[in-house]
């Protein structure tokens, strides 16, 4: 076990966890960030690094990977370690000290408080289900795209009707792809502004339709839709969302009350276990919106509450203008 005792251990290196790490470091806490993934950024990095985000204050628009890079740089100025590829496998409370032992896939740490910022937990894409059994080259079916420029001049079908599907369609059209968007309903489950951009674009919107069958055709695929229309494409990208779970966290020794996949928290973002907090998408409370900016508020609030408890006499909050 690592002998040093941390004031705060943050589990999750997504946007909320990174900003909480920055704020805790700015306030001179001994803090660390743990994440099971190989890179920081959580879903922003793992699922859609090239997606443009429009609802982060201070940015007119910012690519997901660029936002993560800025957050990592912001956190690094206080020497906060970000320990990647290190999965938390258990948390136990020491009766004699009240500290928590955080056991990971590599070692164990002692910490006075824990901030859980694991988002929606582990995630896997929802698989495409065709109306009929289909046999085809599944290498031409994708659930995620790392480099969109490769689709310049290609005909791409996108299956889905949410924000991710529409964003993908617009991004690929922007790089020169011919895009067909297939959705089973006439209505889209996406932000109004995104739907407006879709209808103003050259994307071929095919609704309400499902994919009946997929077969190999020349160097690409032939899609047979529910209205018997056939569509020849180079690749199909499925954007039906993701299945997420926190089953690994449920196995921890500490008692944490959950609402489905999320942790119930009080007005200070503390969970049902003292000095264990939850922020970002993983936190559940009345009025939760699920925006990135919301996690940016929750992290500093949780840090301030922790400091008030474990470091008597500390200010309830601090402004960066007084710290630099």
Protein backbone atom coordinates (compact mmCIF):
# COMPACT_ATOMS: atom_id res chain seq x y z
CA UNK A 1 0.00 0.00 0.00
CA UNK A 2 1.16 3.52 -0.79
CA UNK A 3 2.12 5.06 2.56
CA UNK A 4 1.11 8.62 1.75
CA UNK A 5 -2.39 9.60 2.80
CA UNK A 6 -4.33 11.62 0.25
CA UNK A 7 -6.81 14.28 1.22
CA UNK A 8 -8.97 13.51 -1.80
CA UNK A 9 -8.98 10.68 -4.32
CA UNK A 10 -11.02 11.32 -7.45
CA UNK A 11 -12.21 8.28 -9.38
CA UNK A 12 -12.71 9.17 -13.02
CA UNK A 13 -10.68 11.40 -15.36
CA UNK A 14 -13.56 12.76 -17.39
CA UNK A 15 -14.35 16.49 -17.52
CA UNK A 16 -15.94 16.60 -14.05
CA UNK A 17 -13.14 14.63 -12.42
CA UNK A 18 -10.41 16.66 -14.10
CA UNK A 19 -11.90 20.00 -13.09
CA UNK A 20 -12.46 18.77 -9.53
CA UNK A 21 -8.79 17.72 -9.50
CA UNK A 22 -7.74 21.17 -10.67
CA UNK A 23 -9.80 22.91 -8.00
CA UNK A 24 -8.62 20.58 -5.24
CA UNK A 25 -5.02 21.12 -6.32
CA UNK A 26 -5.50 24.87 -6.48
CA UNK A 27 -6.70 24.74 -2.88
CA UNK A 28 -3.50 22.89 -1.93
CA UNK A 29 -5.03 19.50 -1.19
CA UNK A 30 -3.05 16.32 -1.67
CA UNK A 31 -5.17 14.90 -4.47
CA UNK A 32 -4.96 12.22 -7.14
CA UNK A 33 -7.15 11.10 -10.04
CA UNK A 34 -7.63 7.43 -10.95
CA UNK A 35 -9.10 6.07 -14.17
CA UNK A 36 -9.39 2.60 -15.68
CA UNK A 37 -9.02 3.89 -19.25
CA UNK A 38 -5.73 4.43 -21.05
CA UNK A 39 -6.38 8.11 -21.73
CA UNK A 40 -8.02 10.93 -19.81
CA UNK A 41 -11.33 12.38 -20.91
CA UNK A 42 -13.83 9.61 -20.27
CA UNK A 43 -16.50 9.27 -22.94
CA UNK A 44 -15.35 12.47 -24.67
CA UNK A 45 -12.07 10.79 -25.59
CA UNK A 46 -13.19 7.17 -25.83
CA UNK A 47 -16.32 7.66 -27.93
CA UNK A 48 -16.29 10.94 -29.84
CA UNK A 49 -12.99 12.84 -29.62
CA UNK A 50 -13.74 14.83 -32.80
CA UNK A 51 -17.26 15.83 -31.79
CA UNK A 52 -17.81 19.58 -31.49
CA UNK A 53 -19.30 20.73 -28.19
CA UNK A 54 -21.26 23.98 -28.09
CA UNK A 55 -22.51 24.25 -24.50
CA UNK A 56 -19.31 24.79 -22.51
CA UNK A 57 -19.03 28.37 -21.17
CA UNK A 58 -16.20 30.37 -22.66
CA UNK A 59 -16.06 28.34 -25.87
CA UNK A 60 -18.01 29.27 -29.00
CA UNK A 61 -17.37 25.68 -30.05
CA UNK A 62 -14.70 23.19 -28.98
CA UNK A 63 -13.72 19.71 -30.10
CA UNK A 64 -14.09 17.13 -27.35
CA UNK A 65 -10.42 16.14 -27.48
CA UNK A 66 -9.33 19.80 -27.29
CA UNK A 67 -11.52 20.43 -24.23
CA UNK A 68 -9.97 17.40 -22.54
CA UNK A 69 -6.45 18.58 -23.43
CA UNK A 70 -7.17 21.97 -21.85
CA UNK A 71 -8.57 20.35 -18.70
CA UNK A 72 -5.53 18.08 -18.38
CA UNK A 73 -3.21 21.08 -18.80
CA UNK A 74 -5.21 23.05 -16.24
CA UNK A 75 -4.96 20.21 -13.71
CA UNK A 76 -1.27 19.55 -14.36
CA UNK A 77 -0.18 23.01 -13.18
CA UNK A 78 -0.68 21.84 -9.58
CA UNK A 79 1.09 18.53 -10.06
CA UNK A 80 -2.05 16.45 -9.62
CA UNK A 81 -1.21 12.87 -10.67
CA UNK A 82 -3.61 11.30 -13.17
CA UNK A 83 -3.15 7.55 -12.83
CA UNK A 84 -4.46 5.91 -16.00
CA UNK A 85 -5.12 2.21 -16.69
CA UNK A 86 -5.71 1.84 -12.95
CA UNK A 87 -9.13 0.42 -12.15
CA UNK A 88 -10.60 0.81 -8.67
CA UNK A 89 -11.67 -2.66 -7.55
CA UNK A 90 -12.76 -1.93 -3.97
CA UNK A 91 -13.12 0.76 -1.31
CA UNK A 92 -13.16 -0.08 2.39
CA UNK A 93 -13.37 2.19 5.42
CA UNK A 94 -10.82 1.85 8.22
CA UNK A 95 -12.63 1.74 11.54
CA UNK A 96 -9.73 3.17 13.56
CA UNK A 97 -9.00 6.23 11.40
CA UNK A 98 -12.13 6.76 9.32
CA UNK A 99 -9.92 6.91 6.24
CA UNK A 100 -10.74 4.94 3.11
CA UNK A 101 -8.53 2.32 1.54
CA UNK A 102 -8.87 2.50 -2.23
CA UNK A 103 -7.72 -0.76 -3.78
CA UNK A 104 -6.87 -0.61 -7.49
CA UNK A 105 -5.68 -3.06 -10.11
CA UNK A 106 -2.11 -1.97 -9.30
CA UNK A 107 -1.87 -1.00 -5.62
CA UNK A 108 -3.80 0.51 -2.70
CA UNK A 109 -4.07 4.06 -1.38
CA UNK A 110 -5.27 5.67 1.83
CA UNK A 111 -7.46 8.73 1.44
CA UNK A 112 -9.54 10.93 3.70
CA UNK A 113 -12.28 11.45 1.12
CA UNK A 114 -13.38 10.07 -2.24
CA UNK A 115 -15.03 11.85 -5.15
CA UNK A 116 -16.65 9.51 -7.67
CA UNK A 117 -16.73 10.97 -11.18
CA UNK A 118 -17.15 7.82 -13.25
CA UNK A 119 -19.87 9.13 -15.54
CA UNK A 120 -22.25 6.39 -16.59
CA UNK A 121 -19.74 3.69 -15.74
CA UNK A 122 -18.50 1.20 -18.30
CA UNK A 123 -20.18 1.47 -21.67
CA UNK A 124 -20.76 -0.56 -24.81
CA UNK A 125 -22.61 0.42 -27.98
CA UNK A 126 -26.14 -0.80 -28.59
CA UNK A 127 -25.86 -3.33 -31.39
CA UNK A 128 -27.68 -2.96 -34.69
CA UNK A 129 -30.53 -5.44 -35.14
CA UNK A 130 -31.81 -5.97 -38.67
CA UNK A 131 -35.37 -7.10 -39.35
CA UNK A 132 -34.05 -10.23 -41.07
CA UNK A 133 -30.93 -12.36 -40.47
CA UNK A 134 -28.04 -10.74 -42.35
CA UNK A 135 -24.64 -12.04 -43.41
CA UNK A 136 -22.06 -9.48 -44.48
CA UNK A 137 -18.53 -8.19 -43.86
CA UNK A 138 -18.93 -6.72 -40.37
CA UNK A 139 -15.69 -4.77 -40.80
CA UNK A 140 -17.83 -2.37 -42.85
CA UNK A 141 -20.16 -1.76 -39.90
CA UNK A 142 -18.89 0.63 -37.24
CA UNK A 143 -20.08 2.00 -33.93
CA UNK A 144 -17.45 4.70 -33.50
CA UNK A 145 -15.25 6.83 -35.73
CA UNK A 146 -11.81 8.03 -34.68
CA UNK A 147 -10.81 9.87 -37.87
CA UNK A 148 -13.70 11.20 -39.92
CA UNK A 149 -11.53 12.47 -42.82
CA UNK A 150 -11.19 8.89 -44.10
CA UNK A 151 -14.80 9.08 -45.33
CA UNK A 152 -14.21 11.90 -47.80
CA UNK A 153 -15.88 10.91 -51.09
CA UNK A 154 -17.59 7.87 -49.56
CA UNK A 155 -21.30 7.08 -49.24
CA UNK A 156 -22.05 6.50 -45.58
CA UNK A 157 -25.27 5.29 -43.96
CA UNK A 158 -25.90 6.31 -40.37
CA UNK A 159 -28.49 4.48 -38.28
CA UNK A 160 -30.00 6.42 -35.39
CA UNK A 161 -32.10 9.41 -34.46
CA UNK A 162 -30.45 11.02 -31.45
CA UNK A 163 -27.88 13.78 -31.03
CA UNK A 164 -24.95 11.46 -31.73
CA UNK A 165 -26.47 10.26 -35.03
CA UNK A 166 -27.25 13.77 -36.26
CA UNK A 167 -23.86 15.11 -35.13
CA UNK A 168 -22.13 12.27 -36.97
CA UNK A 169 -24.14 12.90 -40.13
CA UNK A 170 -23.29 16.60 -40.13
CA UNK A 171 -19.61 16.01 -39.35
CA UNK A 172 -19.21 13.49 -42.18
CA UNK A 173 -21.04 15.71 -44.65
CA UNK A 174 -18.65 18.51 -43.68
CA UNK A 175 -15.62 16.40 -44.68
CA UNK A 176 -17.07 15.52 -48.07
CA UNK A 177 -19.00 12.31 -47.49
CA UNK A 178 -22.38 11.55 -49.04
CA UNK A 179 -24.56 10.72 -46.03
CA UNK A 180 -27.88 8.91 -45.62
CA UNK A 181 -29.47 9.02 -42.17
CA UNK A 182 -31.89 6.17 -41.38
CA UNK A 183 -34.28 6.50 -38.44
CA UNK A 184 -37.32 4.46 -37.49
CA UNK A 185 -39.42 7.51 -36.58
CA UNK A 186 -40.24 10.81 -38.24
CA UNK A 187 -39.30 12.66 -35.05
CA UNK A 188 -35.71 12.92 -33.82
CA UNK A 189 -34.55 12.65 -30.20
CA UNK A 190 -32.07 15.51 -30.50
CA UNK A 191 -31.63 19.18 -29.74
CA UNK A 192 -33.80 21.44 -31.87
CA UNK A 193 -30.82 23.35 -33.26
CA UNK A 194 -29.20 20.10 -34.43
CA UNK A 195 -32.40 18.98 -36.16
CA UNK A 196 -32.63 22.37 -37.90
CA UNK A 197 -29.05 22.00 -39.15
CA UNK A 198 -29.84 18.50 -40.39
CA UNK A 199 -32.83 19.65 -42.43
CA UNK A 200 -30.77 22.52 -43.86
CA UNK A 201 -27.98 20.14 -44.91
CA UNK A 202 -27.62 17.83 -47.91
CA UNK A 203 -27.95 14.71 -45.74
CA UNK A 204 -30.48 12.27 -47.21
CA UNK A 205 -32.95 11.74 -44.36
CA UNK A 206 -34.80 8.41 -44.60
CA UNK A 207 -37.71 8.17 -42.14
CA UNK A 208 -39.62 6.36 -40.79
CA UNK A 209 -37.55 3.36 -41.82
CA UNK A 210 -35.66 0.41 -40.40
CA UNK A 211 -32.94 -1.73 -41.95
CA UNK A 212 -34.44 -5.02 -43.09
CA UNK A 213 -31.31 -6.67 -44.42
CA UNK A 214 -27.60 -6.03 -45.03
CA UNK A 215 -25.54 -7.88 -47.63
CA UNK A 216 -22.13 -7.49 -49.24
CA UNK A 217 -22.18 -5.63 -52.53
CA UNK A 218 -19.07 -4.94 -54.63
CA UNK A 219 -16.62 -3.30 -52.20
CA UNK A 220 -19.37 -2.04 -49.91
CA UNK A 221 -22.77 -2.98 -48.57
CA UNK A 222 -26.33 -3.14 -49.86
CA UNK A 223 -28.97 -2.11 -47.35
CA UNK A 224 -32.56 -3.18 -47.87
CA UNK A 225 -34.87 -0.86 -45.96
CA UNK A 226 -38.33 -1.52 -44.55
CA UNK A 227 -40.00 0.06 -47.60
CA UNK A 228 -38.02 -2.29 -49.91
CA UNK A 229 -35.79 0.61 -50.98
CA UNK A 230 -32.19 -0.51 -51.55
CA UNK A 231 -29.26 1.67 -50.60
CA UNK A 232 -25.69 1.03 -51.71
CA UNK A 233 -23.11 2.36 -49.24
CA UNK A 234 -19.44 2.00 -48.44
CA UNK A 235 -19.94 1.82 -44.67
CA UNK A 236 -22.74 1.91 -42.12
CA UNK A 237 -22.20 3.68 -38.80
CA UNK A 238 -24.59 2.76 -36.00
CA UNK A 239 -25.44 5.49 -33.49
CA UNK A 240 -28.11 3.90 -31.30
CA UNK A 241 -26.51 5.02 -28.07
CA UNK A 242 -24.70 3.04 -25.42
CA UNK A 243 -25.50 0.57 -22.69
CA UNK A 244 -23.80 1.59 -19.47
CA UNK A 245 -23.54 0.11 -16.02
CA UNK A 246 -21.80 0.52 -12.70
CA UNK A 247 -21.86 -3.16 -11.77
CA UNK A 248 -18.18 -3.11 -10.76
CA UNK A 249 -18.87 -0.24 -8.36
CA UNK A 250 -21.79 -2.13 -6.85
CA UNK A 251 -19.26 -4.73 -5.70
CA UNK A 252 -17.32 -2.24 -3.55
CA UNK A 253 -17.43 -2.83 0.19
CA UNK A 254 -18.76 0.64 1.02
CA UNK A 255 -22.52 1.14 1.15
CA UNK A 256 -23.65 3.50 -1.62
CA UNK A 257 -27.33 4.05 -2.33
CA UNK A 258 -28.02 4.08 -6.05
CA UNK A 259 -30.77 5.19 -8.41
CA UNK A 260 -30.37 2.73 -11.27
CA UNK A 261 -26.83 3.40 -12.53
CA UNK A 262 -26.31 6.60 -10.54
CA UNK A 263 -25.45 7.53 -6.95
CA UNK A 264 -28.03 9.33 -4.86
CA UNK A 265 -26.44 12.42 -3.31
CA UNK A 266 -27.50 15.16 -0.93
CA UNK A 267 -27.37 18.91 -1.62
CA UNK A 268 -23.59 18.84 -1.11
CA UNK A 269 -23.14 15.85 -3.48
CA UNK A 270 -22.28 13.49 -0.63
CA UNK A 271 -23.44 9.90 -1.09
CA UNK A 272 -24.91 7.66 1.59
CA UNK A 273 -21.37 7.03 2.89
CA UNK A 274 -19.67 9.85 4.79
CA UNK A 275 -16.87 11.62 2.89
CA UNK A 276 -17.68 9.83 -0.36
CA UNK A 277 -19.07 12.24 -2.95
CA UNK A 278 -20.38 11.80 -6.49
CA UNK A 279 -20.31 14.42 -9.25
CA UNK A 280 -21.01 14.66 -12.96
CA UNK A 281 -23.18 12.16 -14.80
CA UNK A 282 -22.80 9.58 -12.04
CA UNK A 283 -24.59 11.77 -9.46
CA UNK A 284 -28.38 11.62 -9.09
CA UNK A 285 -30.54 14.32 -7.51
CA UNK A 286 -33.75 16.17 -8.26
CA UNK A 287 -33.35 18.63 -11.13
CA UNK A 288 -30.21 17.02 -12.56
CA UNK A 289 -29.61 18.16 -16.15
CA UNK A 290 -26.65 16.06 -17.25
CA UNK A 291 -24.63 18.91 -18.77
CA UNK A 292 -20.83 19.11 -18.65
CA UNK A 293 -21.06 22.53 -17.02
CA UNK A 294 -23.09 21.02 -14.20
CA UNK A 295 -20.19 18.75 -13.27
CA UNK A 296 -17.90 21.78 -13.29
CA UNK A 297 -20.07 23.28 -10.54
CA UNK A 298 -20.44 20.09 -8.51
CA UNK A 299 -16.71 19.33 -8.26
CA UNK A 300 -15.62 22.52 -6.48
CA UNK A 301 -18.66 22.36 -4.21
CA UNK A 302 -17.75 18.81 -3.15
CA UNK A 303 -14.10 19.79 -2.61
CA UNK A 304 -15.11 22.73 -0.42
CA UNK A 305 -17.36 20.50 1.67
CA UNK A 306 -14.57 17.98 2.11
CA UNK A 307 -12.12 20.66 3.20
CA UNK A 308 -14.57 22.06 5.72
CA UNK A 309 -14.84 18.59 7.25
CA UNK A 310 -11.27 17.33 7.19
CA UNK A 311 -9.43 20.64 7.56
CA UNK A 312 -11.04 22.76 10.24
CA UNK A 313 -10.78 26.50 9.78
CA UNK A 314 -10.54 26.37 6.00
CA UNK A 315 -12.44 28.86 3.88
CA UNK A 316 -15.70 27.48 2.53
CA UNK A 317 -14.64 28.51 -0.96
CA UNK A 318 -11.83 30.22 -2.81
CA UNK A 319 -11.53 32.26 -6.00
CA UNK A 320 -8.71 31.67 -8.46
CA UNK A 321 -7.95 35.41 -8.50
CA UNK A 322 -6.76 35.12 -4.91
CA UNK A 323 -4.74 31.95 -5.51
CA UNK A 324 -2.43 32.94 -8.38
